Amino acid sequence: MYKNQLQELAQRSCFILPSYTCIREGPDHAPRFKAVVNFNDDSFKSPNNFSTLRHAEHTAAEVALSSLSSQSLARSDPCKSVFQSLFRVYSHRKTLLPFRRPVEIEVPVGYILKQS
């Protein structure tokens, strides 16, 4: 339920959809899970360990929603920061930067380029 609400908030507010990361602890016969949800450049962690990954993700989404509602993000103007979200996505992809042009350079034969 909370995961759905967080996803709907992201879509309504034109943010990037939330992504979840799992932290697994304990032995194979009794694993314990924590989850971290990344939403709008913030990370929200489930406060406790849970016996199922689903419950851990659900709790992390609940923590995110309660934190966001206290910041009143849920009541903000829809699509207000759509350009900021899009810029964040595309600025991390080198090939999709809108304002950069490829630069051609001449490299002498036998010269080895190192990638940084």
C-alpha atoms as a PDB file:
ATOM      1  CA  MET A   1       0.000   0.000   0.000  1.00  0.00           C
ATOM      2  CA  TYR A   2       2.739   2.525   0.941  1.00  0.00           C
ATOM      3  CA  LYS A   3       4.874   1.523  -2.034  1.00  0.00           C
ATOM      4  CA  ASN A   4       1.927   2.238  -4.335  1.00  0.00           C
ATOM      5  CA  GLN A   5       1.277   5.593  -2.682  1.00  0.00           C
ATOM      6  CA  LEU A   6       4.927   6.590  -3.034  1.00  0.00           C
ATOM      7  CA  GLN A   7       4.925   5.621  -6.708  1.00  0.00           C
ATOM      8  CA  GLU A   8       1.699   7.562  -7.311  1.00  0.00           C
ATOM      9  CA  LEU A   9       3.206  10.592  -5.578  1.00  0.00           C
ATOM     10  CA  ALA A  10       6.246  10.380  -7.856  1.00  0.00           C
ATOM     11  CA  GLN A  11       4.072  10.200 -10.952  1.00  0.00           C
ATOM     12  CA  ARG A  12       1.746  12.976  -9.770  1.00  0.00           C
ATOM     13  CA  SER A  13       4.679  15.247  -8.891  1.00  0.00           C
ATOM     14  CA  CYS A  14       6.674  14.363 -12.028  1.00  0.00           C
ATOM     15  CA  PHE A  15       9.592  12.921 -10.060  1.00  0.00           C
ATOM     16  CA  ILE A  16      11.737   9.948 -10.937  1.00  0.00           C
ATOM     17  CA  LEU A  17      10.131   6.742  -9.694  1.00  0.00           C
ATOM     18  CA  PRO A  18      11.391   5.415  -6.365  1.00  0.00           C
ATOM     19  CA  SER A  19      14.026   2.687  -6.376  1.00  0.00           C
ATOM     20  CA  TYR A  20      14.651   0.164  -3.615  1.00  0.00           C
ATOM     21  CA  THR A  21      17.894  -1.342  -2.361  1.00  0.00           C
ATOM     22  CA  CYS A  22      17.977  -4.439  -0.181  1.00  0.00           C
ATOM     23  CA  ILE A  23      20.300  -5.068   2.754  1.00  0.00           C
ATOM     24  CA  ARG A  24      20.342  -8.743   3.728  1.00  0.00           C
ATOM     25  CA  GLU A  25      21.738  -9.910   7.046  1.00  0.00           C
ATOM     26  CA  GLY A  26      21.832 -13.170   8.931  1.00  0.00           C
ATOM     27  CA  PRO A  27      22.182 -16.808   7.956  1.00  0.00           C
ATOM     28  CA  ASP A  28      20.481 -18.414   4.956  1.00  0.00           C
ATOM     29  CA  HIS A  29      17.950 -20.251   7.101  1.00  0.00           C
ATOM     30  CA  ALA A  30      16.857 -17.058   8.916  1.00  0.00           C
ATOM     31  CA  PRO A  31      17.580 -13.983   6.780  1.00  0.00           C
ATOM     32  CA  ARG A  32      16.736 -10.497   7.984  1.00  0.00           C
ATOM     33  CA  PHE A  33      16.132  -7.618   5.602  1.00  0.00           C
ATOM     34  CA  LYS A  34      16.404  -3.861   5.644  1.00  0.00           C
ATOM     35  CA  ALA A  35      15.432  -1.718   2.676  1.00  0.00           C
ATOM     36  CA  VAL A  36      16.438   1.718   1.479  1.00  0.00           C
ATOM     37  CA  VAL A  37      14.204   3.665  -0.892  1.00  0.00           C
ATOM     38  CA  ASN A  38      15.724   6.415  -3.037  1.00  0.00           C
ATOM     39  CA  PHE A  39      13.202   9.085  -3.901  1.00  0.00           C
ATOM     40  CA  ASN A  40      13.834  12.568  -5.271  1.00  0.00           C
ATOM     41  CA  ASP A  41      17.547  12.531  -4.302  1.00  0.00           C
ATOM     42  CA  ASP A  42      16.754  11.443  -0.732  1.00  0.00           C
ATOM     43  CA  SER A  43      17.262   8.051   0.892  1.00  0.00           C
ATOM     44  CA  PHE A  44      14.878   6.588   3.446  1.00  0.00           C
ATOM     45  CA  LYS A  45      15.802   3.464   5.382  1.00  0.00           C
ATOM     46  CA  SER A  46      13.513   0.975   7.093  1.00  0.00           C
ATOM     47  CA  PRO A  47      14.111   1.373  10.827  1.00  0.00           C
ATOM     48  CA  ASN A  48      14.171  -2.326  11.768  1.00  0.00           C
ATOM     49  CA  ASN A  49      15.128  -5.705  10.339  1.00  0.00           C
ATOM     50  CA  PHE A  50      12.268  -7.749   8.892  1.00  0.00           C
ATOM     51  CA  SER A  51      11.834 -11.395   7.990  1.00  0.00           C
ATOM     52  CA  THR A  52      10.664 -10.568   4.442  1.00  0.00           C
ATOM     53  CA  LEU A  53      12.019  -8.193   1.842  1.00  0.00           C
ATOM     54  CA  ARG A  54       8.490  -7.090   0.988  1.00  0.00           C
ATOM     55  CA  HIS A  55       7.839  -5.948   4.553  1.00  0.00           C
ATOM     56  CA  ALA A  56      11.163  -4.083   4.682  1.00  0.00           C
ATOM     57  CA  GLU A  57      10.433  -2.232   1.413  1.00  0.00           C
ATOM     58  CA  HIS A  58       6.897  -1.461   2.580  1.00  0.00           C
ATOM     59  CA  THR A  59       8.236   0.050   5.809  1.00  0.00           C
ATOM     60  CA  ALA A  60      10.893   2.093   3.980  1.00  0.00           C
ATOM     61  CA  ALA A  61       8.157   3.524   1.749  1.00  0.00           C
ATOM     62  CA  GLU A  62       6.097   4.329   4.839  1.00  0.00           C
ATOM     63  CA  VAL A  63       9.072   6.189   6.365  1.00  0.00           C
ATOM     64  CA  ALA A  64       9.536   8.116   3.100  1.00  0.00           C
ATOM     65  CA  LEU A  65       5.878   9.115   2.907  1.00  0.00           C
ATOM     66  CA  SER A  66       5.733  10.251   6.517  1.00  0.00           C
ATOM     67  CA  SER A  67       8.905  12.305   6.063  1.00  0.00           C
ATOM     68  CA  LEU A  68       7.677  13.817   2.803  1.00  0.00           C
ATOM     69  CA  SER A  69       4.269  14.667   4.228  1.00  0.00           C
ATOM     70  CA  SER A  70       5.958  16.574   7.057  1.00  0.00           C
ATOM     71  CA  GLN A  71       7.866  18.513   4.385  1.00  0.00           C
ATOM     72  CA  SER A  72       4.524  19.063   2.579  1.00  0.00           C
ATOM     73  CA  LEU A  73       5.954  17.768  -0.701  1.00  0.00           C
ATOM     74  CA  ALA A  74       2.749  15.828  -1.265  1.00  0.00           C
ATOM     75  CA  ARG A  75       0.793  19.087  -1.464  1.00  0.00           C
ATOM     76  CA  SER A  76       3.160  20.862  -3.840  1.00  0.00           C
ATOM     77  CA  ASP A  77       2.285  21.949  -7.353  1.00  0.00           C
ATOM     78  CA  PRO A  78       2.301  18.950  -9.750  1.00  0.00           C
ATOM     79  CA  CYS A  79       5.094  18.885 -12.341  1.00  0.00           C
ATOM     80  CA  LYS A  80       6.755  21.877 -10.716  1.00  0.00           C
ATOM     81  CA  SER A  81      10.185  20.363 -10.914  1.00  0.00           C
ATOM     82  CA  VAL A  82       9.847  18.173 -13.985  1.00  0.00           C
ATOM     83  CA  PHE A  83      12.745  19.920 -15.692  1.00  0.00           C
ATOM     84  CA  GLN A  84      14.971  19.475 -12.656  1.00  0.00           C
ATOM     85  CA  SER A  85      14.145  15.764 -12.560  1.00  0.00           C
ATOM     86  CA  LEU A  86      14.792  15.348 -16.271  1.00  0.00           C
ATOM     87  CA  PHE A  87      18.067  17.244 -16.023  1.00  0.00           C
ATOM     88  CA  ARG A  88      19.151  14.976 -13.149  1.00  0.00           C
ATOM     89  CA  VAL A  89      18.474  11.882 -15.238  1.00  0.00           C
ATOM     90  CA  TYR A  90      20.147  13.103 -18.394  1.00  0.00           C
ATOM     91  CA  SER A  91      23.118  14.785 -16.749  1.00  0.00           C
ATOM     92  CA  HIS A  92      24.258  11.416 -15.428  1.00  0.00           C
ATOM     93  CA  ARG A  93      24.319   9.952 -18.921  1.00  0.00           C
ATOM     94  CA  LYS A  94      27.304  11.250 -20.838  1.00  0.00           C
ATOM     95  CA  THR A  95      25.862  10.455 -24.248  1.00  0.00           C
ATOM     96  CA  LEU A  96      22.625  12.344 -23.643  1.00  0.00           C
ATOM     97  CA  LEU A  97      23.917  15.682 -22.427  1.00  0.00           C
ATOM     98  CA  PRO A  98      21.955  18.208 -24.473  1.00  0.00           C
ATOM     99  CA  PHE A  99      24.527  21.021 -24.582  1.00  0.00           C
ATOM    100  CA  ARG A 100      27.731  19.159 -25.350  1.00  0.00           C
ATOM    101  CA  ARG A 101      28.997  18.475 -28.828  1.00  0.00           C
ATOM    102  CA  PRO A 102      31.407  15.654 -29.593  1.00  0.00           C
ATOM    103  CA  VAL A 103      34.930  16.902 -30.185  1.00  0.00           C
ATOM    104  CA  GLU A 104      37.157  15.155 -32.688  1.00  0.00           C
ATOM    105  CA  ILE A 105      40.880  15.127 -32.083  1.00  0.00           C
ATOM    106  CA  GLU A 106      43.712  13.805 -34.152  1.00  0.00           C
ATOM    107  CA  VAL A 107      45.759  11.107 -32.469  1.00  0.00           C
ATOM    108  CA  PRO A 108      49.180  10.175 -33.843  1.00  0.00           C
ATOM    109  CA  VAL A 109      49.531   6.615 -35.110  1.00  0.00           C
ATOM    110  CA  GLY A 110      50.784   4.312 -32.368  1.00  0.00           C
ATOM    111  CA  TYR A 111      49.647   6.636 -29.561  1.00  0.00           C
ATOM    112  CA  ILE A 112      47.632   4.942 -26.809  1.00  0.00           C
ATOM    113  CA  LEU A 113      44.792   6.840 -25.153  1.00  0.00           C
ATOM    114  CA  LYS A 114      44.010   6.189 -21.492  1.00  0.00           C
ATOM    115  CA  GLN A 115      40.452   6.471 -20.295  1.00  0.00           C
ATOM    116  CA  SER A 116      39.920   8.239 -17.012  1.00  0.00           C
END
